[in-house]
Amino acid sequence: MLANCCILFSGHLSNGLGHEKCGAVQAAIANKPLPGRINSVVDPILPVVASVKNQPGDIIDNVVIANVKYQVQKLQERSPILTQLIQQGKLKIVGGRYDLHSGKVNIIT
């Protein structure tokens, strides 16, 4: 879908955004069964939790930031079209962390 949008609308920038106090991140950290299809959002975050669980600092914020980096990387790897656009310098995918209190986005990738 993103690849089609980049081609059809000549998109040059895509932004993956995480935010503080993310419920999906908190659910991934808790790693407990969830109702319905919520796990489809939480499951992709589980490897990120494992990768930062021993880092100092706030676990939720650490996972939010690491998850943004991870998802941006996966997005770039998943689509041959996006990969080609990135290699041609026609597209850049960046990740950021949205601060709910200030409304600011800090670019982290």
PDB file of N, CA and C in Angstrom:
ATOM      1  N   MET A   1       0.818  -1.178   0.000  1.00  0.00           N
ATOM      2  CA  MET A   1       0.000   0.000   0.000  1.00  0.00           C
ATOM      3  C   MET A   1       0.871   1.255   0.000  1.00  0.00           C
ATOM      4  N   LEU A   2       1.859   1.296   0.908  1.00  0.00           N
ATOM      5  CA  LEU A   2       2.738   2.462   0.954  1.00  0.00           C
ATOM      6  C   LEU A   2       3.518   2.609  -0.341  1.00  0.00           C
ATOM      7  N   ALA A   3       3.970   1.487  -0.874  1.00  0.00           N
ATOM      8  CA  ALA A   3       4.724   1.538  -2.132  1.00  0.00           C
ATOM      9  C   ALA A   3       3.864   2.131  -3.246  1.00  0.00           C
ATOM     10  N   ASN A   4       2.614   1.707  -3.332  1.00  0.00           N
ATOM     11  CA  ASN A   4       1.714   2.254  -4.354  1.00  0.00           C
ATOM     12  C   ASN A   4       1.523   3.751  -4.190  1.00  0.00           C
ATOM     13  N   CYS A   5       1.349   4.194  -2.957  1.00  0.00           N
ATOM     14  CA  CYS A   5       1.176   5.631  -2.702  1.00  0.00           C
ATOM     15  C   CYS A   5       2.420   6.411  -3.116  1.00  0.00           C
ATOM     16  N   CYS A   6       3.588   5.875  -2.822  1.00  0.00           N
ATOM     17  CA  CYS A   6       4.831   6.566  -3.190  1.00  0.00           C
ATOM     18  C   CYS A   6       4.961   6.697  -4.697  1.00  0.00           C
ATOM     19  N   ILE A   7       4.549   5.670  -5.418  1.00  0.00           N
ATOM     20  CA  ILE A   7       4.638   5.714  -6.872  1.00  0.00           C
ATOM     21  C   ILE A   7       3.555   6.630  -7.449  1.00  0.00           C
ATOM     22  N   LEU A   8       2.329   6.444  -7.028  1.00  0.00           N
ATOM     23  CA  LEU A   8       1.216   7.210  -7.594  1.00  0.00           C
ATOM     24  C   LEU A   8       1.277   8.696  -7.271  1.00  0.00           C
ATOM     25  N   PHE A   9       1.714   9.015  -6.063  1.00  0.00           N
ATOM     26  CA  PHE A   9       1.688  10.414  -5.631  1.00  0.00           C
ATOM     27  C   PHE A   9       3.075  11.024  -5.518  1.00  0.00           C
ATOM     28  N   SER A  10       4.077  10.327  -6.023  1.00  0.00           N
ATOM     29  CA  SER A  10       5.467  10.805  -5.984  1.00  0.00           C
ATOM     30  C   SER A  10       5.896  11.213  -4.582  1.00  0.00           C
ATOM     31  N   GLY A  11       5.517  10.384  -3.602  1.00  0.00           N
ATOM     32  CA  GLY A  11       5.913  10.668  -2.218  1.00  0.00           C
ATOM     33  C   GLY A  11       7.407  10.556  -2.049  1.00  0.00           C
ATOM     34  N   HIS A  12       7.982  11.494  -1.319  1.00  0.00           N
ATOM     35  CA  HIS A  12       9.430  11.497  -1.123  1.00  0.00           C
ATOM     36  C   HIS A  12       9.822  11.214   0.319  1.00  0.00           C
ATOM     37  N   LEU A  13       8.827  11.252   1.221  1.00  0.00           N
ATOM     38  CA  LEU A  13       9.113  11.057   2.634  1.00  0.00           C
ATOM     39  C   LEU A  13       7.973  10.287   3.277  1.00  0.00           C
ATOM     40  N   SER A  14       8.331   9.297   4.072  1.00  0.00           N
ATOM     41  CA  SER A  14       7.351   8.565   4.861  1.00  0.00           C
ATOM     42  C   SER A  14       7.840   8.560   6.295  1.00  0.00           C
ATOM     43  N   ASN A  15       6.913   8.669   7.233  1.00  0.00           N
ATOM     44  CA  ASN A  15       7.281   8.769   8.634  1.00  0.00           C
ATOM     45  C   ASN A  15       6.602   7.675   9.437  1.00  0.00           C
ATOM     46  N   GLY A  16       7.398   6.878  10.141  1.00  0.00           N
ATOM     47  CA  GLY A  16       6.877   5.930  11.114  1.00  0.00           C
ATOM     48  C   GLY A  16       6.919   6.621  12.468  1.00  0.00           C
ATOM     49  N   LEU A  17       5.819   6.588  13.190  1.00  0.00           N
ATOM     50  CA  LEU A  17       5.726   7.383  14.410  1.00  0.00           C
ATOM     51  C   LEU A  17       5.289   6.524  15.589  1.00  0.00           C
ATOM     52  N   GLY A  18       6.051   6.619  16.672  1.00  0.00           N
ATOM     53  CA  GLY A  18       5.672   6.003  17.937  1.00  0.00           C
ATOM     54  C   GLY A  18       5.360   7.110  18.923  1.00  0.00           C
ATOM     55  N   HIS A  19       4.714   6.763  20.021  1.00  0.00           N
ATOM     56  CA  HIS A  19       4.404   7.789  21.018  1.00  0.00           C
ATOM     57  C   HIS A  19       4.590   7.249  22.420  1.00  0.00           C
ATOM     58  N   GLU A  20       4.813   8.171  23.339  1.00  0.00           N
ATOM     59  CA  GLU A  20       4.999   7.771  24.729  1.00  0.00           C
ATOM     60  C   GLU A  20       3.727   7.119  25.261  1.00  0.00           C
ATOM     61  N   LYS A  21       3.886   6.305  26.272  1.00  0.00           N
ATOM     62  CA  LYS A  21       2.773   5.630  26.938  1.00  0.00           C
ATOM     63  C   LYS A  21       1.921   4.787  25.990  1.00  0.00           C
ATOM     64  N   CYS A  22       2.544   4.230  24.969  1.00  0.00           N
ATOM     65  CA  CYS A  22       1.827   3.441  23.965  1.00  0.00           C
ATOM     66  C   CYS A  22       1.234   2.176  24.602  1.00  0.00           C
ATOM     67  N   GLY A  23      -0.063   2.006  24.437  1.00  0.00           N
ATOM     68  CA  GLY A  23      -0.738   0.840  24.999  1.00  0.00           C
ATOM     69  C   GLY A  23      -0.270  -0.468  24.395  1.00  0.00           C
ATOM     70  N   ALA A  24       0.021  -0.475  23.106  1.00  0.00           N
ATOM     71  CA  ALA A  24       0.514  -1.697  22.460  1.00  0.00           C
ATOM     72  C   ALA A  24       1.880  -2.077  23.008  1.00  0.00           C
ATOM     73  N   VAL A  25       2.722  -1.091  23.250  1.00  0.00           N
ATOM     74  CA  VAL A  25       4.046  -1.353  23.836  1.00  0.00           C
ATOM     75  C   VAL A  25       3.876  -1.892  25.256  1.00  0.00           C
ATOM     76  N   GLN A  26       2.998  -1.284  26.023  1.00  0.00           N
ATOM     77  CA  GLN A  26       2.767  -1.752  27.392  1.00  0.00           C
ATOM     78  C   GLN A  26       2.238  -3.193  27.387  1.00  0.00           C
ATOM     79  N   ALA A  27       1.367  -3.502  26.444  1.00  0.00           N
ATOM     80  CA  ALA A  27       0.842  -4.869  26.339  1.00  0.00           C
ATOM     81  C   ALA A  27       1.943  -5.850  25.943  1.00  0.00           C
ATOM     82  N   ALA A  28       2.837  -5.433  25.062  1.00  0.00           N
ATOM     83  CA  ALA A  28       3.951  -6.310  24.663  1.00  0.00           C
ATOM     84  C   ALA A  28       4.884  -6.562  25.838  1.00  0.00           C
ATOM     85  N   ILE A  29       5.118  -5.534  26.637  1.00  0.00           N
ATOM     86  CA  ILE A  29       5.974  -5.704  27.818  1.00  0.00           C
ATOM     87  C   ILE A  29       5.321  -6.674  28.801  1.00  0.00           C
ATOM     88  N   ALA A  30       4.011  -6.541  29.009  1.00  0.00           N
ATOM     89  CA  ALA A  30       3.295  -7.436  29.926  1.00  0.00           C
ATOM     90  C   ALA A  30       3.234  -8.857  29.385  1.00  0.00           C
ATOM     91  N   ASN A  31       3.199  -9.004  28.054  1.00  0.00           N
ATOM     92  CA  ASN A  31       3.207 -10.304  27.370  1.00  0.00           C
ATOM     93  C   ASN A  31       2.151 -11.262  27.913  1.00  0.00           C
ATOM     94  N   LYS A  32       0.906 -10.757  27.974  1.00  0.00           N
ATOM     95  CA  LYS A  32      -0.222 -11.580  28.416  1.00  0.00           C
ATOM     96  C   LYS A  32      -1.230 -11.690  27.276  1.00  0.00           C
ATOM     97  N   PRO A  33      -2.013 -12.771  27.263  1.00  0.00           N
ATOM     98  CA  PRO A  33      -3.011 -12.926  26.199  1.00  0.00           C
ATOM     99  C   PRO A  33      -3.993 -11.749  26.178  1.00  0.00           C
ATOM    100  N   LEU A  34      -4.373 -11.345  24.989  1.00  0.00           N
ATOM    101  CA  LEU A  34      -5.287 -10.222  24.806  1.00  0.00           C
ATOM    102  C   LEU A  34      -6.494 -10.667  23.987  1.00  0.00           C
ATOM    103  N   PRO A  35      -7.614  -9.997  24.155  1.00  0.00           N
ATOM    104  CA  PRO A  35      -8.820 -10.395  23.412  1.00  0.00           C
ATOM    105  C   PRO A  35      -8.768  -9.976  21.950  1.00  0.00           C
ATOM    106  N   GLY A  36      -9.540 -10.675  21.147  1.00  0.00           N
ATOM    107  CA  GLY A  36      -9.724 -10.291  19.747  1.00  0.00           C
ATOM    108  C   GLY A  36      -8.435 -10.274  18.957  1.00  0.00           C
ATOM    109  N   ARG A  37      -8.319  -9.271  18.115  1.00  0.00           N
ATOM    110  CA  ARG A  37      -7.168  -9.173  17.196  1.00  0.00           C
ATOM    111  C   ARG A  37      -6.103  -8.203  17.673  1.00  0.00           C
ATOM    112  N   ILE A  38      -6.159  -7.818  18.917  1.00  0.00           N
ATOM    113  CA  ILE A  38      -5.184  -6.874  19.450  1.00  0.00           C
ATOM    114  C   ILE A  38      -3.772  -7.426  19.325  1.00  0.00           C
ATOM    115  N   ASN A  39      -3.649  -8.748  19.435  1.00  0.00           N
ATOM    116  CA  ASN A  39      -2.317  -9.358  19.329  1.00  0.00           C
ATOM    117  C   ASN A  39      -1.653  -9.084  17.981  1.00  0.00           C
ATOM    118  N   SER A  40      -2.427  -8.818  16.942  1.00  0.00           N
ATOM    119  CA  SER A  40      -1.819  -8.529  15.639  1.00  0.00           C
ATOM    120  C   SER A  40      -1.022  -7.227  15.674  1.00  0.00           C
ATOM    121  N   VAL A  41      -1.322  -6.356  16.615  1.00  0.00           N
ATOM    122  CA  VAL A  41      -0.560  -5.122  16.797  1.00  0.00           C
ATOM    123  C   VAL A  41       0.573  -5.347  17.786  1.00  0.00           C
ATOM    124  N   VAL A  42       0.320  -6.153  18.784  1.00  0.00           N
ATOM    125  CA  VAL A  42       1.282  -6.369  19.870  1.00  0.00           C
ATOM    126  C   VAL A  42       2.391  -7.344  19.480  1.00  0.00           C
ATOM    127  N   ASP A  43       2.060  -8.425  18.789  1.00  0.00           N
ATOM    128  CA  ASP A  43       3.046  -9.466  18.477  1.00  0.00           C
ATOM    129  C   ASP A  43       4.296  -8.953  17.767  1.00  0.00           C
ATOM    130  N   PRO A  44       4.185  -8.041  16.794  1.00  0.00           N
ATOM    131  CA  PRO A  44       5.402  -7.562  16.141  1.00  0.00           C
ATOM    132  C   PRO A  44       6.333  -6.757  17.062  1.00  0.00           C
ATOM    133  N   ILE A  45       5.822  -6.352  18.220  1.00  0.00           N
ATOM    134  CA  ILE A  45       6.642  -5.570  19.161  1.00  0.00           C
ATOM    135  C   ILE A  45       7.424  -6.476  20.106  1.00  0.00           C
ATOM    136  N   LEU A  46       7.006  -7.727  20.250  1.00  0.00           N
ATOM    137  CA  LEU A  46       7.635  -8.642  21.204  1.00  0.00           C
ATOM    138  C   LEU A  46       9.146  -8.803  21.009  1.00  0.00           C
ATOM    139  N   PRO A  47       9.651  -8.956  19.767  1.00  0.00           N
ATOM    140  CA  PRO A  47      11.111  -9.069  19.615  1.00  0.00           C
ATOM    141  C   PRO A  47      11.848  -7.812  20.082  1.00  0.00           C
ATOM    142  N   VAL A  48      11.192  -6.682  19.960  1.00  0.00           N
ATOM    143  CA  VAL A  48      11.804  -5.415  20.388  1.00  0.00           C
ATOM    144  C   VAL A  48      11.920  -5.387  21.906  1.00  0.00           C
ATOM    145  N   VAL A  49      10.892  -5.851  22.592  1.00  0.00           N
ATOM    146  CA  VAL A  49      10.924  -5.898  24.058  1.00  0.00           C
ATOM    147  C   VAL A  49      12.118  -6.723  24.518  1.00  0.00           C
ATOM    148  N   ALA A  50      12.301  -7.882  23.909  1.00  0.00           N
ATOM    149  CA  ALA A  50      13.414  -8.759  24.287  1.00  0.00           C
ATOM    150  C   ALA A  50      14.765  -8.083  24.044  1.00  0.00           C
ATOM    151  N   SER A  51      14.850  -7.256  23.017  1.00  0.00           N
ATOM    152  CA  SER A  51      16.140  -6.644  22.671  1.00  0.00           C
ATOM    153  C   SER A  51      16.533  -5.502  23.596  1.00  0.00           C
ATOM    154  N   VAL A  52      15.584  -4.919  24.329  1.00  0.00           N
ATOM    155  CA  VAL A  52      15.919  -3.774  25.181  1.00  0.00           C
ATOM    156  C   VAL A  52      15.632  -4.011  26.665  1.00  0.00           C
ATOM    157  N   LYS A  53      15.214  -5.219  27.025  1.00  0.00           N
ATOM    158  CA  LYS A  53      14.771  -5.445  28.402  1.00  0.00           C
ATOM    159  C   LYS A  53      15.854  -5.201  29.447  1.00  0.00           C
ATOM    160  N   ASN A  54      17.114  -5.290  29.085  1.00  0.00           N
ATOM    161  CA  ASN A  54      18.191  -5.075  30.047  1.00  0.00           C
ATOM    162  C   ASN A  54      18.825  -3.690  29.953  1.00  0.00           C
ATOM    163  N   GLN A  55      18.261  -2.814  29.147  1.00  0.00           N
ATOM    164  CA  GLN A  55      18.807  -1.455  29.029  1.00  0.00           C
ATOM    165  C   GLN A  55      18.371  -0.612  30.222  1.00  0.00           C
ATOM    166  N   PRO A  56      19.234   0.313  30.643  1.00  0.00           N
ATOM    167  CA  PRO A  56      18.822   1.217  31.726  1.00  0.00           C
ATOM    168  C   PRO A  56      17.772   2.209  31.223  1.00  0.00           C
ATOM    169  N   GLY A  57      17.039   2.780  32.139  1.00  0.00           N
ATOM    170  CA  GLY A  57      16.039   3.772  31.775  1.00  0.00           C
ATOM    171  C   GLY A  57      14.641   3.199  31.800  1.00  0.00           C
ATOM    172  N   ASP A  58      13.698   3.982  31.330  1.00  0.00           N
ATOM    173  CA  ASP A  58      12.292   3.598  31.330  1.00  0.00           C
ATOM    174  C   ASP A  58      12.044   2.555  30.248  1.00  0.00           C
ATOM    175  N   ILE A  59      11.543   1.396  30.650  1.00  0.00           N
ATOM    176  CA  ILE A  59      11.348   0.294  29.714  1.00  0.00           C
ATOM    177  C   ILE A  59      10.352   0.662  28.612  1.00  0.00           C
ATOM    178  N   ILE A  60       9.293   1.366  28.959  1.00  0.00           N
ATOM    179  CA  ILE A  60       8.289   1.719  27.948  1.00  0.00           C
ATOM    180  C   ILE A  60       8.893   2.648  26.907  1.00  0.00           C
ATOM    181  N   ASP A  61       9.589   3.674  27.363  1.00  0.00           N
ATOM    182  CA  ASP A  61      10.196   4.605  26.406  1.00  0.00           C
ATOM    183  C   ASP A  61      11.272   3.913  25.576  1.00  0.00           C
ATOM    184  N   ASN A  62      12.053   3.049  26.204  1.00  0.00           N
ATOM    185  CA  ASN A  62      13.078   2.307  25.465  1.00  0.00           C
ATOM    186  C   ASN A  62      12.457   1.456  24.356  1.00  0.00           C
ATOM    187  N   VAL A  63      11.341   0.796  24.674  1.00  0.00           N
ATOM    188  CA  VAL A  63      10.684  -0.052  23.679  1.00  0.00           C
ATOM    189  C   VAL A  63      10.050   0.797  22.578  1.00  0.00           C
ATOM    190  N   VAL A  64       9.432   1.917  22.941  1.00  0.00           N
ATOM    191  CA  VAL A  64       8.834   2.796  21.923  1.00  0.00           C
ATOM    192  C   VAL A  64       9.897   3.209  20.910  1.00  0.00           C
ATOM    193  N   ILE A  65      11.039   3.688  21.398  1.00  0.00           N
ATOM    194  CA  ILE A  65      12.103   4.158  20.507  1.00  0.00           C
ATOM    195  C   ILE A  65      12.682   3.002  19.684  1.00  0.00           C
ATOM    196  N   ALA A  66      12.958   1.880  20.341  1.00  0.00           N
ATOM    197  CA  ALA A  66      13.510   0.725  19.624  1.00  0.00           C
ATOM    198  C   ALA A  66      12.508   0.188  18.609  1.00  0.00           C
ATOM    199  N   ASN A  67      11.219   0.232  18.938  1.00  0.00           N
ATOM    200  CA  ASN A  67      10.204  -0.268  18.020  1.00  0.00           C
ATOM    201  C   ASN A  67      10.102   0.610  16.776  1.00  0.00           C
ATOM    202  N   VAL A  68      10.203   1.897  16.947  1.00  0.00           N
ATOM    203  CA  VAL A  68      10.192   2.792  15.778  1.00  0.00           C
ATOM    204  C   VAL A  68      11.344   2.439  14.849  1.00  0.00           C
ATOM    205  N   LYS A  69      12.533   2.289  15.403  1.00  0.00           N
ATOM    206  CA  LYS A  69      13.704   1.935  14.585  1.00  0.00           C
ATOM    207  C   LYS A  69      13.497   0.592  13.888  1.00  0.00           C
ATOM    208  N   TYR A  70      12.991  -0.371  14.634  1.00  0.00           N
ATOM    209  CA  TYR A  70      12.766  -1.722  14.104  1.00  0.00           C
ATOM    210  C   TYR A  70      11.736  -1.703  12.980  1.00  0.00           C
ATOM    211  N   GLN A  71      10.626  -1.013  13.186  1.00  0.00           N
ATOM    212  CA  GLN A  71       9.561  -0.994  12.184  1.00  0.00           C
ATOM    213  C   GLN A  71       9.984  -0.238  10.927  1.00  0.00           C
ATOM    214  N   VAL A  72      10.755   0.832  11.079  1.00  0.00           N
ATOM    215  CA  VAL A  72      11.271   1.548   9.904  1.00  0.00           C
ATOM    216  C   VAL A  72      12.185   0.630   9.104  1.00  0.00           C
ATOM    217  N   GLN A  73      13.062  -0.095   9.805  1.00  0.00           N
ATOM    218  CA  GLN A  73      13.959  -1.036   9.129  1.00  0.00           C
ATOM    219  C   GLN A  73      13.169  -2.111   8.402  1.00  0.00           C
ATOM    220  N   LYS A  74      12.173  -2.683   9.077  1.00  0.00           N
ATOM    221  CA  LYS A  74      11.363  -3.735   8.461  1.00  0.00           C
ATOM    222  C   LYS A  74      10.597  -3.208   7.246  1.00  0.00           C
ATOM    223  N   LEU A  75      10.093  -1.997   7.345  1.00  0.00           N
ATOM    224  CA  LEU A  75       9.366  -1.397   6.230  1.00  0.00           C
ATOM    225  C   LEU A  75      10.279  -1.252   5.016  1.00  0.00           C
ATOM    226  N   GLN A  76      11.507  -0.847   5.252  1.00  0.00           N
ATOM    227  CA  GLN A  76      12.463  -0.680   4.159  1.00  0.00           C
ATOM    228  C   GLN A  76      12.838  -2.022   3.543  1.00  0.00           C
ATOM    229  N   GLU A  77      12.890  -3.066   4.348  1.00  0.00           N
ATOM    230  CA  GLU A  77      13.298  -4.384   3.860  1.00  0.00           C
ATOM    231  C   GLU A  77      12.165  -5.149   3.185  1.00  0.00           C
ATOM    232  N   ARG A  78      10.934  -4.882   3.565  1.00  0.00           N
ATOM    233  CA  ARG A  78       9.781  -5.675   3.135  1.00  0.00           C
ATOM    234  C   ARG A  78       9.369  -5.456   1.692  1.00  0.00           C
ATOM    235  N   SER A  79       9.620  -4.286   1.177  1.00  0.00           N
ATOM    236  CA  SER A  79       9.111  -3.955  -0.144  1.00  0.00           C
ATOM    237  C   SER A  79      10.234  -3.679  -1.134  1.00  0.00           C
ATOM    238  N   PRO A  80      10.339  -4.484  -2.184  1.00  0.00           N
ATOM    239  CA  PRO A  80      11.347  -4.214  -3.210  1.00  0.00           C
ATOM    240  C   PRO A  80      11.147  -2.837  -3.865  1.00  0.00           C
ATOM    241  N   ILE A  81       9.897  -2.413  -3.973  1.00  0.00           N
ATOM    242  CA  ILE A  81       9.629  -1.100  -4.585  1.00  0.00           C
ATOM    243  C   ILE A  81      10.177   0.005  -3.698  1.00  0.00           C
ATOM    244  N   LEU A  82       9.910  -0.078  -2.393  1.00  0.00           N
ATOM    245  CA  LEU A  82      10.433   0.943  -1.485  1.00  0.00           C
ATOM    246  C   LEU A  82      11.953   0.922  -1.456  1.00  0.00           C
ATOM    247  N   THR A  83      12.518  -0.277  -1.438  1.00  0.00           N
ATOM    248  CA  THR A  83      13.974  -0.406  -1.451  1.00  0.00           C
ATOM    249  C   THR A  83      14.565   0.283  -2.676  1.00  0.00           C
ATOM    250  N   GLN A  84      13.955   0.065  -3.818  1.00  0.00           N
ATOM    251  CA  GLN A  84      14.432   0.690  -5.055  1.00  0.00           C
ATOM    252  C   GLN A  84      14.310   2.211  -4.985  1.00  0.00           C
ATOM    253  N   LEU A  85      13.204   2.711  -4.499  1.00  0.00           N
ATOM    254  CA  LEU A  85      13.015   4.157  -4.392  1.00  0.00           C
ATOM    255  C   LEU A  85      14.024   4.777  -3.434  1.00  0.00           C
ATOM    256  N   ILE A  86      14.310   4.078  -2.333  1.00  0.00           N
ATOM    257  CA  ILE A  86      15.307   4.568  -1.377  1.00  0.00           C
ATOM    258  C   ILE A  86      16.682   4.598  -2.024  1.00  0.00           C
ATOM    259  N   GLN A  87      17.051   3.528  -2.719  1.00  0.00           N
ATOM    260  CA  GLN A  87      18.360   3.460  -3.377  1.00  0.00           C
ATOM    261  C   GLN A  87      18.510   4.527  -4.450  1.00  0.00           C
ATOM    262  N   GLN A  88      17.418   4.894  -5.092  1.00  0.00           N
ATOM    263  CA  GLN A  88      17.446   5.931  -6.126  1.00  0.00           C
ATOM    264  C   GLN A  88      17.394   7.339  -5.534  1.00  0.00           C
ATOM    265  N   GLY A  89      17.289   7.429  -4.221  1.00  0.00           N
ATOM    266  CA  GLY A  89      17.207   8.734  -3.570  1.00  0.00           C
ATOM    267  C   GLY A  89      15.861   9.417  -3.755  1.00  0.00           C
ATOM    268  N   LYS A  90      14.846   8.645  -4.127  1.00  0.00           N
ATOM    269  CA  LYS A  90      13.515   9.203  -4.363  1.00  0.00           C
ATOM    270  C   LYS A  90      12.609   9.101  -3.139  1.00  0.00           C
ATOM    271  N   LEU A  91      13.052   8.368  -2.126  1.00  0.00           N
ATOM    272  CA  LEU A  91      12.237   8.185  -0.942  1.00  0.00           C
ATOM    273  C   LEU A  91      13.130   8.086   0.280  1.00  0.00           C
ATOM    274  N   LYS A  92      12.667   8.667   1.360  1.00  0.00           N
ATOM    275  CA  LYS A  92      13.331   8.517   2.648  1.00  0.00           C
ATOM    276  C   LYS A  92      12.260   8.137   3.658  1.00  0.00           C
ATOM    277  N   ILE A  93      12.540   7.128   4.462  1.00  0.00           N
ATOM    278  CA  ILE A  93      11.631   6.724   5.521  1.00  0.00           C
ATOM    279  C   ILE A  93      12.298   7.066   6.842  1.00  0.00           C
ATOM    280  N   VAL A  94      11.637   7.871   7.641  1.00  0.00           N
ATOM    281  CA  VAL A  94      12.181   8.280   8.930  1.00  0.00           C
ATOM    282  C   VAL A  94      11.238   7.831  10.038  1.00  0.00           C
ATOM    283  N   GLY A  95      11.781   7.713  11.220  1.00  0.00           N
ATOM    284  CA  GLY A  95      10.979   7.345  12.383  1.00  0.00           C
ATOM    285  C   GLY A  95      11.085   8.428  13.427  1.00  0.00           C
ATOM    286  N   GLY A  96      10.007   8.625  14.145  1.00  0.00           N
ATOM    287  CA  GLY A  96       9.992   9.636  15.182  1.00  0.00           C
ATOM    288  C   GLY A  96       9.228   9.178  16.405  1.00  0.00           C
ATOM    289  N   ARG A  97       9.414   9.928  17.470  1.00  0.00           N
ATOM    290  CA  ARG A  97       8.702   9.678  18.730  1.00  0.00           C
ATOM    291  C   ARG A  97       7.896  10.921  19.059  1.00  0.00           C
ATOM    292  N   TYR A  98       6.595  10.732  19.178  1.00  0.00           N
ATOM    293  CA  TYR A  98       5.686  11.830  19.471  1.00  0.00           C
ATOM    294  C   TYR A  98       5.532  11.972  20.982  1.00  0.00           C
ATOM    295  N   ASP A  99       5.762  13.179  21.480  1.00  0.00           N
ATOM    296  CA  ASP A  99       5.596  13.481  22.899  1.00  0.00           C
ATOM    297  C   ASP A  99       4.181  13.997  23.114  1.00  0.00           C
ATOM    298  N   LEU A 100       3.380  13.274  23.852  1.00  0.00           N
ATOM    299  CA  LEU A 100       1.978  13.624  24.055  1.00  0.00           C
ATOM    300  C   LEU A 100       1.804  14.941  24.805  1.00  0.00           C
ATOM    301  N   HIS A 101       2.755  15.266  25.685  1.00  0.00           N
ATOM    302  CA  HIS A 101       2.634  16.485  26.487  1.00  0.00           C
ATOM    303  C   HIS A 101       2.978  17.741  25.706  1.00  0.00           C
ATOM    304  N   SER A 102       4.048  17.686  24.951  1.00  0.00           N
ATOM    305  CA  SER A 102       4.500  18.889  24.245  1.00  0.00           C
ATOM    306  C   SER A 102       3.965  18.981  22.823  1.00  0.00           C
ATOM    307  N   GLY A 103       3.559  17.847  22.266  1.00  0.00           N
ATOM    308  CA  GLY A 103       3.107  17.826  20.880  1.00  0.00           C
ATOM    309  C   GLY A 103       4.252  17.794  19.877  1.00  0.00           C
ATOM    310  N   LYS A 104       5.478  17.657  20.369  1.00  0.00           N
ATOM    311  CA  LYS A 104       6.644  17.653  19.486  1.00  0.00           C
ATOM    312  C   LYS A 104       6.984  16.233  19.052  1.00  0.00           C
ATOM    313  N   VAL A 105       7.565  16.147  17.866  1.00  0.00           N
ATOM    314  CA  VAL A 105       8.058  14.885  17.339  1.00  0.00           C
ATOM    315  C   VAL A 105       9.578  14.961  17.262  1.00  0.00           C
ATOM    316  N   ASN A 106      10.229  14.011  17.901  1.00  0.00           N
ATOM    317  CA  ASN A 106      11.690  13.914  17.809  1.00  0.00           C
ATOM    318  C   ASN A 106      12.026  12.824  16.807  1.00  0.00           C
ATOM    319  N   ILE A 107      12.772  13.196  15.771  1.00  0.00           N
ATOM    320  CA  ILE A 107      13.200  12.232  14.761  1.00  0.00           C
ATOM    321  C   ILE A 107      14.288  11.362  15.361  1.00  0.00           C
ATOM    322  N   ILE A 108      14.121  10.035  15.249  1.00  0.00           N
ATOM    323  CA  ILE A 108      15.109   9.131  15.843  1.00  0.00           C
ATOM    324  C   ILE A 108      15.792   8.232  14.814  1.00  0.00           C
ATOM    325  N   THR A 109      15.311   8.213  13.580  1.00  0.00           N
ATOM    326  CA  THR A 109      16.022   7.457  12.532  1.00  0.00           C
ATOM    327  C   THR A 109      16.203   8.334  11.315  1.00  0.00           C
TER     328      THR A 109
END
